[in-house]
Amino acid sequence: MICVYCPSCGRQIPDDANICPYCGFQVRLLLQQAYPPPVKPQPSRPLSISIAAFLLALIGFLSVISGAFMFFAYIYISESGVSIPFFGQLLTTAMLPYAVEGLILGALFITSANWLWKCKKSGGYLAIMLLIIDMLSGLGLTASNSYFTPILLVGLALSLAILLLIALGWSSLT
């Protein structure tokens, strides 16, 4: 048996009493207000949205790392005075803008991945816009043959895969 005291008069009352027999205070009403109603659990996020957010964060992280690597490689090659063929010079002169672009796009990818992770539509739209811009710029670079690497094709494939995962995740949310 639990000892229950009336909050109004302070006397001990039976634990199954609805009203205090001494002062008439409604004890059960106070006990019902003390415990809030149960909260319904939030629906879980689709797996494709989680995978898309992880891949966006991974691409953002890799673009930041590659941008930093290209920046330091540009500095090293420009200070060492090594003579390199024309294509190497073209690639070297393109490294600094790509380093800056990699850092900026990496930060934007990570930010949009964070918004996408929270499943807000505005963040998802921003992520889709960034991925489409990334894919178009990659296709333009590939078509001009000025910067063609297998890494670029992998990036384009990952961007397309993330777009598909976002589309699948949003179709299951609506």
Protein backbone atom coordinates (compact mmCIF):
# COMPACT_ATOMS: atom_id res chain seq x y z
CA MET A 1 0.00 0.00 0.00
CA ILE A 2 1.33 3.41 -1.00
CA CYS A 3 1.18 6.30 1.42
CA VAL A 4 -0.61 9.18 -0.25
CA TYR A 5 -0.88 12.59 1.36
CA CYS A 6 -3.41 15.24 0.48
CA PRO A 7 -1.66 18.24 -1.11
CA SER A 8 -4.22 20.58 0.45
CA CYS A 9 -4.40 19.55 4.11
CA GLY A 10 -1.34 17.25 4.35
CA ARG A 11 -3.11 14.30 5.98
CA GLN A 12 -2.61 10.68 4.93
CA ILE A 13 -5.44 9.35 2.78
CA PRO A 14 -6.11 5.94 1.22
CA ASP A 15 -4.30 5.46 -2.10
CA ASP A 16 -7.53 4.63 -3.95
CA ALA A 17 -9.36 7.76 -2.75
CA ASN A 18 -10.58 10.20 -5.38
CA ILE A 19 -11.43 12.93 -2.88
CA CYS A 20 -9.74 13.74 0.45
CA PRO A 21 -12.18 12.70 3.24
CA TYR A 22 -10.88 15.51 5.50
CA CYS A 23 -10.91 18.62 3.29
CA GLY A 24 -12.71 17.51 0.09
CA PHE A 25 -9.77 18.17 -2.24
CA GLN A 26 -9.96 16.22 -5.55
CA VAL A 27 -6.76 14.15 -5.43
CA ARG A 28 -7.29 12.09 -8.64
CA LEU A 29 -7.71 15.21 -10.74
CA LEU A 30 -4.28 16.40 -9.57
CA LEU A 31 -2.70 12.99 -10.24
CA GLN A 32 -4.15 12.86 -13.76
CA GLN A 33 -2.70 16.29 -14.53
CA ALA A 34 0.74 15.22 -13.26
CA TYR A 35 1.14 12.59 -15.97
CA PRO A 36 0.93 13.90 -19.54
CA PRO A 37 -0.74 11.79 -22.21
CA PRO A 38 1.58 9.48 -24.16
CA VAL A 39 3.32 11.03 -27.16
CA LYS A 40 2.95 9.35 -30.53
CA PRO A 41 6.31 8.35 -32.02
CA GLN A 42 7.51 10.26 -35.08
CA PRO A 43 7.50 8.28 -38.33
CA SER A 44 10.96 7.10 -39.24
CA ARG A 45 12.86 8.53 -42.18
CA PRO A 46 13.10 6.30 -45.27
CA LEU A 47 16.41 4.49 -45.71
CA SER A 48 17.00 6.08 -49.11
CA ILE A 49 16.97 9.58 -47.57
CA SER A 50 19.55 8.49 -45.00
CA ILE A 51 21.75 6.93 -47.69
CA ALA A 52 21.45 10.05 -49.86
CA ALA A 53 22.43 12.28 -46.95
CA PHE A 54 25.42 10.07 -46.14
CA LEU A 55 26.57 10.08 -49.78
CA LEU A 56 26.17 13.85 -49.98
CA ALA A 57 28.27 14.28 -46.86
CA LEU A 58 30.87 11.87 -48.28
CA ILE A 59 31.05 13.75 -51.59
CA GLY A 60 31.35 17.04 -49.72
CA PHE A 61 34.13 15.68 -47.53
CA LEU A 62 36.01 14.23 -50.51
CA SER A 63 35.66 17.45 -52.48
CA VAL A 64 37.12 19.43 -49.58
CA ILE A 65 40.04 16.99 -49.30
CA SER A 66 40.67 16.99 -53.06
CA GLY A 67 40.44 20.79 -53.19
CA ALA A 68 43.06 21.11 -50.46
CA PHE A 69 45.29 18.55 -52.18
CA MET A 70 45.01 20.33 -55.51
CA PHE A 71 45.80 23.68 -53.87
CA PHE A 72 48.98 22.41 -52.23
CA ALA A 73 49.97 20.57 -55.42
CA TYR A 74 49.56 23.81 -57.35
CA ILE A 75 51.80 25.66 -54.89
CA TYR A 76 54.44 22.90 -54.97
CA ILE A 77 54.55 22.70 -58.77
CA SER A 78 54.61 26.48 -59.20
CA GLU A 79 57.47 26.94 -56.70
CA SER A 80 59.59 23.98 -57.79
CA GLY A 81 60.05 25.22 -61.34
CA VAL A 82 59.68 21.76 -62.84
CA SER A 83 59.07 21.79 -66.58
CA ILE A 84 55.99 19.80 -67.45
CA PRO A 85 54.18 19.10 -70.72
CA PHE A 86 51.38 21.33 -71.99
CA PHE A 87 48.58 19.18 -70.56
CA GLY A 88 50.26 19.20 -67.18
CA GLN A 89 50.54 22.99 -67.32
CA LEU A 90 46.90 23.26 -68.28
CA LEU A 91 45.95 21.00 -65.39
CA THR A 92 48.20 22.92 -63.00
CA THR A 93 46.72 26.29 -63.92
CA ALA A 94 43.24 24.86 -63.41
CA MET A 95 44.06 23.54 -59.92
CA LEU A 96 43.65 26.75 -57.97
CA PRO A 97 40.11 27.54 -59.20
CA TYR A 98 39.15 23.91 -58.63
CA ALA A 99 40.59 24.01 -55.13
CA VAL A 100 38.46 27.03 -54.28
CA GLU A 101 35.45 25.50 -56.03
CA GLY A 102 36.01 22.24 -54.16
CA LEU A 103 36.11 24.01 -50.82
CA ILE A 104 33.00 26.08 -51.55
CA LEU A 105 31.02 23.20 -53.07
CA GLY A 106 32.20 20.89 -50.29
CA ALA A 107 30.84 23.29 -47.69
CA LEU A 108 27.58 23.65 -49.64
CA PHE A 109 27.26 19.87 -50.04
CA ILE A 110 27.80 19.31 -46.33
CA THR A 111 25.29 22.05 -45.46
CA SER A 112 22.70 20.67 -47.85
CA ALA A 113 23.34 17.16 -46.57
CA ASN A 114 22.61 18.43 -43.08
CA TRP A 115 19.36 20.00 -44.27
CA LEU A 116 18.49 16.85 -46.17
CA TRP A 117 19.22 14.79 -43.07
CA LYS A 118 16.57 16.79 -41.24
CA CYS A 119 14.12 15.99 -44.08
CA LYS A 120 13.14 19.56 -44.79
CA LYS A 121 12.02 20.20 -48.33
CA SER A 122 13.98 23.45 -48.76
CA GLY A 123 17.24 21.68 -47.93
CA GLY A 124 16.36 18.83 -50.25
CA TYR A 125 15.67 21.24 -53.11
CA LEU A 126 19.00 22.97 -52.49
CA ALA A 127 20.80 19.63 -52.54
CA ILE A 128 19.13 18.68 -55.81
CA MET A 129 20.08 22.03 -57.38
CA LEU A 130 23.69 21.65 -56.27
CA LEU A 131 23.89 18.12 -57.61
CA ILE A 132 22.45 19.14 -60.97
CA ILE A 133 24.88 22.07 -61.21
CA ASP A 134 27.73 19.71 -60.31
CA MET A 135 26.64 17.20 -62.93
CA LEU A 136 26.28 19.87 -65.65
CA SER A 137 29.66 21.42 -64.88
CA GLY A 138 31.26 17.98 -64.87
CA LEU A 139 29.68 17.12 -68.20
CA GLY A 140 30.84 20.45 -69.64
CA LEU A 141 34.39 19.82 -68.50
CA THR A 142 34.31 16.30 -69.90
CA ALA A 143 32.92 17.50 -73.25
CA SER A 144 35.61 20.16 -73.63
CA ASN A 145 38.34 17.56 -72.88
CA SER A 146 40.12 20.07 -70.69
CA TYR A 147 39.75 18.12 -67.46
CA PHE A 148 38.81 14.48 -68.08
CA THR A 149 39.53 12.01 -65.28
CA PRO A 150 37.90 8.81 -64.06
CA ILE A 151 37.28 10.57 -60.73
CA LEU A 152 35.01 13.01 -62.55
CA LEU A 153 32.95 10.14 -63.97
CA VAL A 154 32.69 8.57 -60.51
CA GLY A 155 31.51 11.92 -59.14
CA LEU A 156 28.90 12.21 -61.88
CA ALA A 157 27.70 8.66 -61.21
CA LEU A 158 27.47 9.34 -57.47
CA SER A 159 25.56 12.58 -58.12
CA LEU A 160 23.09 10.71 -60.31
CA ALA A 161 22.73 7.95 -57.70
CA ILE A 162 22.04 10.51 -54.98
CA LEU A 163 19.41 12.19 -57.14
CA LEU A 164 17.69 8.83 -57.62
CA LEU A 165 17.82 8.08 -53.89
CA ILE A 166 16.33 11.48 -53.10
CA ALA A 167 13.55 10.91 -55.63
CA LEU A 168 12.80 7.47 -54.17
CA GLY A 169 12.83 8.80 -50.61
CA TRP A 170 10.56 11.73 -51.36
CA SER A 171 8.10 9.59 -53.27
CA SER A 172 7.72 7.42 -50.18
CA LEU A 173 7.30 10.48 -47.94
CA THR A 174 4.37 11.90 -49.92
